[in-house]
Amino acid sequence: MSAALLIGAGGASFLGFTISPDASFKALVPGLAAVSIGDGVIFTAMFIAAATGVADHRQGVASGIVSTASGIGAVVGLALLVLVANAGIGGLSGEPLRIATAEGIARVAYTIACGVMLMMFVVIGFRATAGARAS
């Protein structure tokens, strides 16, 4: 999980550095690929972790809780990221709006990278706590 989170954070950071008003899609592909790989591994690991150690007759409940939490997190996260992206664009038009929009999207990419790194610290802390309890 840590490696996948690191790959995702690196991809989001790369996107933040790459996004500009004149950036081509081709320039964004490496960052998008890294974020996608990280997300794919994390979502799979998240469902595996939720089901590990859960009795067979409770598997549906565990999966439902993870799915619900993931959906709520996506909705709240998207709302917050839209606020970050749109900060400072009020009253702008034309070229200044285009530049401010690109800067807002770059801020969103950095925010995502910070959130992913925070999750990596949570995973590392959880492993340390779980390892100490197992000893």
Protein backbone atom coordinates (compact mmCIF):
# COMPACT_ATOMS: atom_id res chain seq x y z
CA MET A 1 0.00 0.00 0.00
CA SER A 2 2.80 2.40 0.83
CA ALA A 3 4.40 1.97 -2.59
CA ALA A 4 1.06 2.55 -4.33
CA LEU A 5 0.44 5.68 -2.26
CA LEU A 6 3.92 6.95 -3.04
CA ILE A 7 3.37 6.36 -6.77
CA GLY A 8 0.01 8.15 -6.62
CA ALA A 9 1.44 11.11 -4.70
CA GLY A 10 4.33 11.34 -7.13
CA GLY A 11 1.94 11.30 -10.08
CA ALA A 12 -0.24 14.03 -8.55
CA SER A 13 2.84 16.15 -7.81
CA PHE A 14 4.04 15.64 -11.38
CA LEU A 15 0.65 16.83 -12.64
CA GLY A 16 0.88 19.92 -10.45
CA PHE A 17 4.27 20.81 -11.90
CA THR A 18 3.18 20.03 -15.46
CA ILE A 19 -0.20 21.76 -15.63
CA SER A 20 -0.03 25.16 -17.28
CA PRO A 21 -2.24 27.10 -19.66
CA ASP A 22 -0.19 25.78 -22.57
CA ALA A 23 0.43 22.19 -21.40
CA SER A 24 -0.40 19.45 -23.85
CA PHE A 25 -2.24 16.29 -22.90
CA LYS A 26 0.85 14.33 -23.88
CA ALA A 27 2.83 16.11 -21.16
CA LEU A 28 0.22 15.09 -18.55
CA VAL A 29 0.18 11.37 -19.45
CA PRO A 30 3.03 10.24 -17.11
CA GLY A 31 1.39 11.90 -14.09
CA LEU A 32 -2.04 10.60 -15.00
CA ALA A 33 -0.65 7.09 -15.45
CA ALA A 34 1.09 7.18 -12.06
CA VAL A 35 -2.05 8.43 -10.29
CA SER A 36 -4.13 5.75 -12.02
CA ILE A 37 -1.74 2.95 -11.08
CA GLY A 38 -1.61 4.12 -7.48
CA ASP A 39 -5.40 4.43 -7.27
CA GLY A 40 -5.97 1.02 -8.84
CA VAL A 41 -3.71 -0.71 -6.33
CA ILE A 42 -5.09 1.24 -3.36
CA PHE A 43 -8.75 0.61 -4.17
CA THR A 44 -8.07 -3.12 -4.54
CA ALA A 45 -6.03 -3.19 -1.32
CA MET A 46 -8.74 -1.20 0.49
CA PHE A 47 -11.39 -3.83 -0.24
CA ILE A 48 -9.01 -6.67 0.62
CA ALA A 49 -8.11 -5.01 3.93
CA ALA A 50 -11.79 -4.44 4.74
CA ALA A 51 -12.62 -8.11 4.15
CA THR A 52 -9.59 -9.60 5.90
CA GLY A 53 -10.51 -11.26 9.16
CA VAL A 54 -14.23 -10.69 8.67
CA ALA A 55 -16.54 -13.68 9.08
CA ASP A 56 -18.04 -15.01 5.85
CA HIS A 57 -21.57 -14.00 6.79
CA ARG A 58 -20.38 -10.39 7.39
CA GLN A 59 -18.45 -9.92 4.12
CA GLY A 60 -21.32 -8.03 2.46
CA VAL A 61 -21.57 -5.59 5.37
CA ALA A 62 -17.80 -4.97 5.34
CA SER A 63 -17.84 -4.36 1.58
CA GLY A 64 -20.89 -2.10 1.88
CA ILE A 65 -19.27 0.02 4.58
CA VAL A 66 -16.12 0.48 2.49
CA SER A 67 -18.14 1.31 -0.62
CA THR A 68 -20.27 3.84 1.26
CA ALA A 69 -17.29 5.48 2.94
CA SER A 70 -15.48 5.67 -0.39
CA GLY A 71 -18.49 7.29 -2.07
CA ILE A 72 -18.97 9.84 0.72
CA GLY A 73 -15.24 10.62 0.67
CA ALA A 74 -15.35 11.15 -3.09
CA VAL A 75 -18.33 13.54 -2.86
CA VAL A 76 -16.89 15.60 -0.01
CA GLY A 77 -13.41 15.53 -1.54
CA LEU A 78 -14.67 16.71 -4.92
CA ALA A 79 -16.56 19.58 -3.31
CA LEU A 80 -13.45 20.70 -1.45
CA LEU A 81 -11.25 20.36 -4.53
CA VAL A 82 -13.67 22.48 -6.57
CA LEU A 83 -13.32 25.19 -3.91
CA VAL A 84 -9.53 24.96 -4.13
CA ALA A 85 -9.59 25.08 -7.94
CA ASN A 86 -11.92 28.07 -8.13
CA ALA A 87 -10.25 30.22 -5.48
CA GLY A 88 -9.25 33.54 -7.02
CA ILE A 89 -11.06 33.28 -10.37
CA GLY A 90 -13.98 35.55 -9.52
CA GLY A 91 -14.42 38.40 -11.97
CA LEU A 92 -11.78 37.15 -14.39
CA SER A 93 -12.31 36.54 -18.09
CA GLY A 94 -10.28 35.80 -21.18
CA GLU A 95 -6.59 35.05 -20.80
CA PRO A 96 -6.41 35.87 -17.05
CA LEU A 97 -9.23 33.37 -16.44
CA ARG A 98 -7.42 30.71 -18.48
CA ILE A 99 -4.21 31.24 -16.48
CA ALA A 100 -6.05 31.28 -13.13
CA THR A 101 -7.91 28.10 -14.07
CA ALA A 102 -4.66 26.28 -14.87
CA GLU A 103 -3.15 27.52 -11.59
CA GLY A 104 -6.25 26.32 -9.73
CA ILE A 105 -6.03 22.87 -11.26
CA ALA A 106 -2.33 22.72 -10.34
CA ARG A 107 -3.29 23.63 -6.72
CA VAL A 108 -5.79 20.77 -6.79
CA ALA A 109 -3.07 18.35 -7.95
CA TYR A 110 -0.81 19.49 -5.09
CA THR A 111 -3.69 19.16 -2.63
CA ILE A 112 -4.32 15.62 -3.82
CA ALA A 113 -0.62 14.80 -3.47
CA CYS A 114 -0.64 16.11 0.11
CA GLY A 115 -3.77 14.09 0.91
CA VAL A 116 -2.23 10.93 -0.49
CA MET A 117 0.96 11.51 1.52
CA LEU A 118 -1.15 12.02 4.64
CA MET A 119 -2.82 8.68 3.95
CA MET A 120 0.60 7.08 3.57
CA PHE A 121 1.55 8.31 7.05
CA VAL A 122 -1.72 6.87 8.39
CA VAL A 123 -0.95 3.50 6.78
CA ILE A 124 2.60 3.51 8.17
CA GLY A 125 1.31 4.49 11.62
CA PHE A 126 -1.36 1.78 11.50
CA ARG A 127 1.24 -0.83 10.58
CA ALA A 128 3.49 0.30 13.44
CA THR A 129 0.57 0.15 15.90
CA ALA A 130 -0.60 -3.23 14.62
CA GLY A 131 2.96 -4.58 14.76
CA ALA A 132 3.39 -3.40 18.36
CA ARG A 133 0.13 -5.08 19.39
CA ALA A 134 1.14 -8.34 17.70
CA SER A 135 4.41 -8.46 19.65
